[in-house]
């Protein structure tokens, strides 16, 4: 590999933990790297995947690692031009993983190639995620609900489809239900993170809702909570919950081994919406948090549901 090629694959300007090693890691080392990233960054993901067959967990972890690094390249790099360059490099490394996998150096792509080979995952799903992260660099405000759905088509829905694909489900009917769950989870995170996003210069609250409920945009950064703001957030939560409930039907259309994972994701989204409602839709005073006790109760409910289904069969 030439010096230029090495330089392209060091991801200069990225968080230091994501820099590409100059020597290719073994598959076992790469999979361990992805597993550590998944368990340290998002415990809900780690708990949910624990209930999947051991043979597919490395695939989930490699896909998660790809998404996590790409997300951080877009979110944790202050200069949008640098972030765009890094996302382009990540996309080139993805193509290399598909086309000439023996040249992949980053542990994510060493591990991901094994997943791509065994599960035959479509390249476009991974590129769609990068498209969303690029959008974040240039589009900071959303005017309509439909614009948010379009963003979620790229930012969230590919993840659910990849999960189904890994587990052998490739039909469009299940994929569309998954889309509803994933979009609802994305929207729930937006309503949860209103203040944090505003501090980053982003607004996902649709302008049409702000206007319809008579809310002033200055209230967000100023953290000025009013009945009008509460009514707006409540409306958004109600619409999001309806979408989540529609999509959650997918839980009963997959094997028992996948049910707990999908049920946890759906219930986790519901718990975020419940947390917003519990503080009277005042997301300006602080980010609603799902407590550890609540997470354990969600896990217990998912396991009980799985046991009931097993007995019914």
Protein backbone atom coordinates (compact mmCIF):
# COMPACT_ATOMS: atom_id res chain seq x y z
CA UNK A 1 0.00 0.00 0.00
CA UNK A 2 1.35 3.42 -0.94
CA UNK A 3 1.98 6.23 1.51
CA UNK A 4 -0.97 8.12 0.01
CA UNK A 5 -3.24 5.15 0.57
CA UNK A 6 -2.14 4.86 4.19
CA UNK A 7 -2.81 8.56 4.74
CA UNK A 8 -6.31 8.19 3.31
CA UNK A 9 -7.08 5.47 5.79
CA UNK A 10 -5.90 7.10 9.00
CA UNK A 11 -9.07 9.25 9.24
CA UNK A 12 -7.04 12.27 10.27
CA UNK A 13 -9.22 14.72 12.17
CA UNK A 14 -11.44 11.99 13.61
CA UNK A 15 -11.70 11.18 17.34
CA UNK A 16 -8.41 9.46 18.19
CA UNK A 17 -10.03 6.14 19.12
CA UNK A 18 -11.20 5.79 15.53
CA UNK A 19 -7.87 6.29 13.78
CA UNK A 20 -6.99 3.42 11.48
CA UNK A 21 -4.08 1.22 12.63
CA UNK A 22 -1.22 0.97 10.17
CA UNK A 23 -1.23 -2.82 10.46
CA UNK A 24 -4.26 -4.95 9.66
CA UNK A 25 -5.80 -6.60 12.72
CA UNK A 26 -6.92 -10.22 12.78
CA UNK A 27 -10.61 -11.02 12.42
CA UNK A 28 -10.81 -12.00 16.10
CA UNK A 29 -9.19 -8.70 17.16
CA UNK A 30 -11.48 -6.73 14.87
CA UNK A 31 -14.59 -8.43 16.21
CA UNK A 32 -13.43 -7.81 19.78
CA UNK A 33 -12.94 -4.10 18.91
CA UNK A 34 -16.51 -3.88 17.60
CA UNK A 35 -17.88 -5.75 20.61
CA UNK A 36 -16.11 -3.39 23.02
CA UNK A 37 -17.44 -0.36 21.15
CA UNK A 38 -20.99 -1.69 21.23
CA UNK A 39 -20.92 -2.54 24.93
CA UNK A 40 -19.28 0.72 26.01
CA UNK A 41 -21.38 3.12 23.96
CA UNK A 42 -24.91 1.80 24.15
CA UNK A 43 -25.89 -0.64 26.88
CA UNK A 44 -29.44 -1.09 25.54
CA UNK A 45 -28.01 -2.42 22.28
CA UNK A 46 -25.66 -4.73 24.14
CA UNK A 47 -28.43 -6.13 26.37
CA UNK A 48 -30.80 -6.63 23.46
CA UNK A 49 -28.31 -8.48 21.30
CA UNK A 50 -27.40 -10.76 24.23
CA UNK A 51 -30.61 -12.70 23.56
CA UNK A 52 -29.74 -13.40 19.95
CA UNK A 53 -28.01 -16.62 18.90
CA UNK A 54 -24.29 -16.36 19.62
CA UNK A 55 -23.43 -16.95 15.97
CA UNK A 56 -25.11 -13.71 14.80
CA UNK A 57 -23.98 -11.39 17.60
CA UNK A 58 -20.68 -10.52 15.89
CA UNK A 59 -22.66 -9.44 12.82
CA UNK A 60 -24.82 -7.10 14.89
CA UNK A 61 -21.74 -5.71 16.60
CA UNK A 62 -19.88 -5.05 13.35
CA UNK A 63 -22.91 -3.25 11.88
CA UNK A 64 -23.34 -1.26 15.09
CA UNK A 65 -19.64 -0.30 15.05
CA UNK A 66 -19.94 0.92 11.46
CA UNK A 67 -22.95 3.07 12.41
CA UNK A 68 -21.41 4.33 15.66
CA UNK A 69 -18.16 5.48 14.06
CA UNK A 70 -19.97 7.10 11.12
CA UNK A 71 -22.33 8.90 13.50
CA UNK A 72 -19.42 10.20 15.59
CA UNK A 73 -17.53 11.36 12.49
CA UNK A 74 -20.56 13.49 11.67
CA UNK A 75 -21.45 14.60 15.20
CA UNK A 76 -18.21 14.86 17.15
CA UNK A 77 -16.18 16.80 14.58
CA UNK A 78 -16.82 20.53 14.94
CA UNK A 79 -15.86 21.63 11.42
CA UNK A 80 -18.54 20.53 8.90
CA UNK A 81 -16.02 20.50 6.05
CA UNK A 82 -13.76 18.14 8.00
CA UNK A 83 -16.76 15.99 8.94
CA UNK A 84 -17.79 15.75 5.28
CA UNK A 85 -14.28 14.68 4.29
CA UNK A 86 -14.21 12.03 7.01
CA UNK A 87 -17.63 10.70 6.00
CA UNK A 88 -16.46 10.52 2.38
CA UNK A 89 -13.39 8.57 3.51
CA UNK A 90 -15.59 6.24 5.55
CA UNK A 91 -17.73 5.67 2.46
CA UNK A 92 -14.64 4.89 0.39
CA UNK A 93 -13.50 2.43 3.03
CA UNK A 94 -16.94 0.80 2.87
CA UNK A 95 -16.64 0.39 -0.90
CA UNK A 96 -13.16 -1.04 -0.44
CA UNK A 97 -14.61 -3.53 2.06
CA UNK A 98 -17.02 -4.73 -0.63
CA UNK A 99 -14.70 -4.57 -3.63
CA UNK A 100 -11.19 -5.32 -2.33
CA UNK A 101 -11.67 -6.48 1.28
CA UNK A 102 -8.10 -7.71 1.59
CA UNK A 103 -7.00 -4.04 1.64
CA UNK A 104 -9.25 -3.05 4.56
CA UNK A 105 -7.22 -1.89 7.55
CA UNK A 106 -9.74 -0.45 10.00
CA UNK A 107 -11.05 -3.06 12.47
CA UNK A 108 -14.66 -2.13 11.66
CA UNK A 109 -14.21 -3.16 8.04
CA UNK A 110 -12.13 -6.23 8.83
CA UNK A 111 -15.03 -7.43 10.98
CA UNK A 112 -17.75 -6.11 8.69
CA UNK A 113 -16.46 -8.03 5.67
CA UNK A 114 -17.19 -11.30 7.47
CA UNK A 115 -20.76 -10.06 8.04
CA UNK A 116 -21.16 -8.90 4.43
CA UNK A 117 -19.89 -12.23 3.14
CA UNK A 118 -22.08 -14.40 5.33
CA UNK A 119 -25.26 -12.29 5.30
CA UNK A 120 -25.01 -10.72 1.82
CA UNK A 121 -25.99 -7.28 3.10
CA UNK A 122 -26.83 -4.66 0.46
CA UNK A 123 -24.24 -1.93 0.07
CA UNK A 124 -26.87 0.78 -0.39
CA UNK A 125 -28.20 0.43 3.15
CA UNK A 126 -24.81 1.42 4.54
CA UNK A 127 -24.47 4.31 2.09
CA UNK A 128 -27.95 5.55 3.03
CA UNK A 129 -26.76 5.98 6.61
CA UNK A 130 -23.81 8.05 5.41
CA UNK A 131 -26.22 10.16 3.37
CA UNK A 132 -28.06 11.05 6.58
CA UNK A 133 -24.86 12.02 8.38
CA UNK A 134 -23.90 14.23 5.43
CA UNK A 135 -27.34 15.85 5.60
CA UNK A 136 -26.57 16.79 9.20
CA UNK A 137 -23.66 18.91 7.98
CA UNK A 138 -25.77 21.05 5.66
CA UNK A 139 -29.37 20.90 6.87
CA UNK A 140 -29.92 22.10 10.42
CA UNK A 141 -33.66 22.86 10.44
CA UNK A 142 -36.76 20.96 9.35
CA UNK A 143 -39.98 22.52 8.18
CA UNK A 144 -42.44 19.63 8.00
CA UNK A 145 -43.21 16.21 9.43
CA UNK A 146 -42.63 14.76 5.96
CA UNK A 147 -39.08 16.16 5.90
CA UNK A 148 -38.37 14.36 9.17
CA UNK A 149 -39.73 11.13 7.71
CA UNK A 150 -37.43 11.54 4.72
CA UNK A 151 -34.44 12.11 7.00
CA UNK A 152 -35.35 9.01 9.03
CA UNK A 153 -35.55 7.01 5.79
CA UNK A 154 -31.78 7.44 5.61
CA UNK A 155 -30.77 7.85 9.26
CA UNK A 156 -32.77 5.12 10.99
CA UNK A 157 -34.64 2.76 8.68
CA UNK A 158 -31.53 1.10 7.16
CA UNK A 159 -30.52 -0.09 10.64
CA UNK A 160 -33.75 -2.01 11.15
CA UNK A 161 -33.58 -3.48 7.67
CA UNK A 162 -30.00 -4.63 8.29
CA UNK A 163 -31.12 -6.32 11.51
CA UNK A 164 -33.83 -8.20 9.62
CA UNK A 165 -31.46 -9.07 6.79
CA UNK A 166 -28.89 -10.53 9.19
CA UNK A 167 -31.62 -12.74 10.67
CA UNK A 168 -32.79 -13.93 7.27
CA UNK A 169 -35.88 -11.74 6.79
CA UNK A 170 -35.77 -10.02 3.41
CA UNK A 171 -39.44 -9.41 2.57
CA UNK A 172 -40.76 -5.87 2.15
CA UNK A 173 -43.79 -6.37 4.44
CA UNK A 174 -41.65 -6.88 7.54
CA UNK A 175 -39.22 -4.20 6.37
CA UNK A 176 -42.01 -1.61 6.25
CA UNK A 177 -43.06 -2.43 9.80
CA UNK A 178 -39.43 -2.12 10.85
CA UNK A 179 -39.29 1.28 9.15
CA UNK A 180 -42.14 2.51 11.35
CA UNK A 181 -40.37 1.39 14.53
CA UNK A 182 -37.04 2.87 13.48
CA UNK A 183 -38.53 6.17 12.36
CA UNK A 184 -40.49 6.42 15.60
CA UNK A 185 -37.32 5.77 17.61
CA UNK A 186 -35.53 8.50 15.66
CA UNK A 187 -38.37 10.96 16.28
CA UNK A 188 -38.55 10.04 19.98
CA UNK A 189 -34.85 10.85 20.27
CA UNK A 190 -35.44 14.21 18.58
CA UNK A 191 -38.16 15.16 21.08
CA UNK A 192 -35.96 13.95 23.93
CA UNK A 193 -32.93 15.97 22.82
CA UNK A 194 -34.51 19.30 21.89
CA UNK A 195 -32.18 21.40 24.05
CA UNK A 196 -29.02 19.45 23.25
CA UNK A 197 -29.70 19.70 19.52
CA UNK A 198 -30.43 23.42 19.80
CA UNK A 199 -27.06 23.94 21.48
CA UNK A 200 -25.47 22.24 18.46
CA UNK A 201 -27.32 24.59 16.13
CA UNK A 202 -29.90 22.04 15.00
CA UNK A 203 -33.68 22.08 15.19
CA UNK A 204 -35.71 18.96 14.47
CA UNK A 205 -38.97 20.36 15.82
CA UNK A 206 -40.83 20.98 12.54
CA UNK A 207 -41.44 24.64 11.73
CA UNK A 208 -45.05 23.83 10.79
CA UNK A 209 -45.70 22.59 14.35
CA UNK A 210 -43.96 25.60 15.89
CA UNK A 211 -46.21 27.90 13.85
CA UNK A 212 -49.39 25.89 14.37
CA UNK A 213 -49.08 25.97 18.17
CA UNK A 214 -47.85 29.56 18.43
CA UNK A 215 -44.41 28.71 19.82
CA UNK A 216 -41.48 31.10 19.52
CA UNK A 217 -38.21 29.49 18.43
CA UNK A 218 -36.35 31.58 21.01
CA UNK A 219 -38.10 29.57 23.73
CA UNK A 220 -35.93 26.56 22.96
CA UNK A 221 -32.49 27.99 23.71
CA UNK A 222 -34.03 30.25 26.38
CA UNK A 223 -35.75 27.23 27.91
CA UNK A 224 -39.00 29.12 28.24
CA UNK A 225 -41.70 26.50 28.77
CA UNK A 226 -45.30 27.49 28.02
CA UNK A 227 -48.65 25.68 27.62
CA UNK A 228 -48.28 26.17 23.86
CA UNK A 229 -44.92 24.43 23.86
CA UNK A 230 -46.37 21.56 25.92
CA UNK A 231 -49.27 21.17 23.48
CA UNK A 232 -46.87 21.06 20.53
CA UNK A 233 -44.66 18.39 22.07
CA UNK A 234 -47.69 16.37 23.17
CA UNK A 235 -48.98 16.36 19.60
CA UNK A 236 -45.62 15.18 18.30
CA UNK A 237 -45.44 12.46 20.97
CA UNK A 238 -48.96 11.21 20.15
CA UNK A 239 -48.14 10.97 16.45
CA UNK A 240 -44.85 9.23 17.17
CA UNK A 241 -46.44 6.75 19.56
CA UNK A 242 -49.06 5.79 16.98
CA UNK A 243 -46.31 5.05 14.46
CA UNK A 244 -44.35 3.02 17.03
CA UNK A 245 -47.42 0.96 17.92
CA UNK A 246 -48.16 0.23 14.26
CA UNK A 247 -44.63 -0.95 13.63
CA UNK A 248 -44.37 -3.01 16.81
CA UNK A 249 -46.55 -5.66 15.16
CA UNK A 250 -43.31 -6.92 13.64
CA UNK A 251 -42.38 -8.43 17.01
CA UNK A 252 -44.90 -11.22 16.44
CA UNK A 253 -43.79 -11.88 12.87
CA UNK A 254 -40.27 -13.10 13.62
CA UNK A 255 -38.74 -16.09 15.36
CA UNK A 256 -38.57 -16.20 19.15
CA UNK A 257 -34.82 -15.59 19.02
CA UNK A 258 -35.35 -12.14 17.52
CA UNK A 259 -38.53 -11.24 19.40
CA UNK A 260 -36.87 -10.09 22.63
CA UNK A 261 -34.50 -7.78 20.76
CA UNK A 262 -37.21 -6.16 18.65
CA UNK A 263 -39.56 -5.93 21.63
CA UNK A 264 -36.88 -4.19 23.69
CA UNK A 265 -36.27 -1.63 20.96
CA UNK A 266 -40.00 -0.92 20.65
CA UNK A 267 -40.54 -0.75 24.40
CA UNK A 268 -37.47 1.45 24.77
CA UNK A 269 -38.98 3.95 22.35
CA UNK A 270 -42.24 3.84 24.27
CA UNK A 271 -40.35 4.44 27.51
CA UNK A 272 -38.76 7.60 26.08
CA UNK A 273 -42.19 8.90 25.08
CA UNK A 274 -43.55 7.98 28.51
CA UNK A 275 -40.69 9.90 30.12
CA UNK A 276 -41.53 12.98 28.08
CA UNK A 277 -45.19 12.74 29.07
CA UNK A 278 -44.27 12.16 32.74
CA UNK A 279 -42.61 15.58 32.90
CA UNK A 280 -45.64 17.19 31.28
CA UNK A 281 -43.89 17.46 27.91
CA UNK A 282 -41.37 19.92 29.30
CA UNK A 283 -38.28 18.74 27.42
CA UNK A 284 -36.73 22.17 27.98
CA UNK A 285 -35.99 21.53 31.64
CA UNK A 286 -33.90 18.44 30.97
CA UNK A 287 -33.55 15.34 28.87
CA UNK A 288 -36.01 12.61 29.92
CA UNK A 289 -34.00 9.57 31.00
CA UNK A 290 -35.07 5.94 31.12
CA UNK A 291 -33.93 4.75 34.56
CA UNK A 292 -32.11 1.46 35.15
CA UNK A 293 -35.17 0.21 37.04
CA UNK A 294 -37.35 0.97 34.05
CA UNK A 295 -34.91 -0.75 31.72
CA UNK A 296 -35.00 -3.87 33.88
CA UNK A 297 -38.80 -3.85 33.85
CA UNK A 298 -38.77 -3.54 30.06
CA UNK A 299 -36.41 -6.50 29.86
CA UNK A 300 -38.60 -8.54 32.17
CA UNK A 301 -41.70 -7.71 30.11
CA UNK A 302 -39.95 -8.72 26.89
CA UNK A 303 -38.81 -12.02 28.41
CA UNK A 304 -42.27 -12.80 29.78
CA UNK A 305 -43.74 -12.09 26.36
CA UNK A 306 -41.29 -14.48 24.78
CA UNK A 307 -42.14 -17.21 27.30
CA UNK A 308 -45.85 -16.79 26.66
CA UNK A 309 -45.40 -17.08 22.93
CA UNK A 310 -43.30 -20.18 23.43
CA UNK A 311 -46.04 -21.84 25.53
CA UNK A 312 -48.72 -20.88 23.02
CA UNK A 313 -46.81 -22.69 20.30
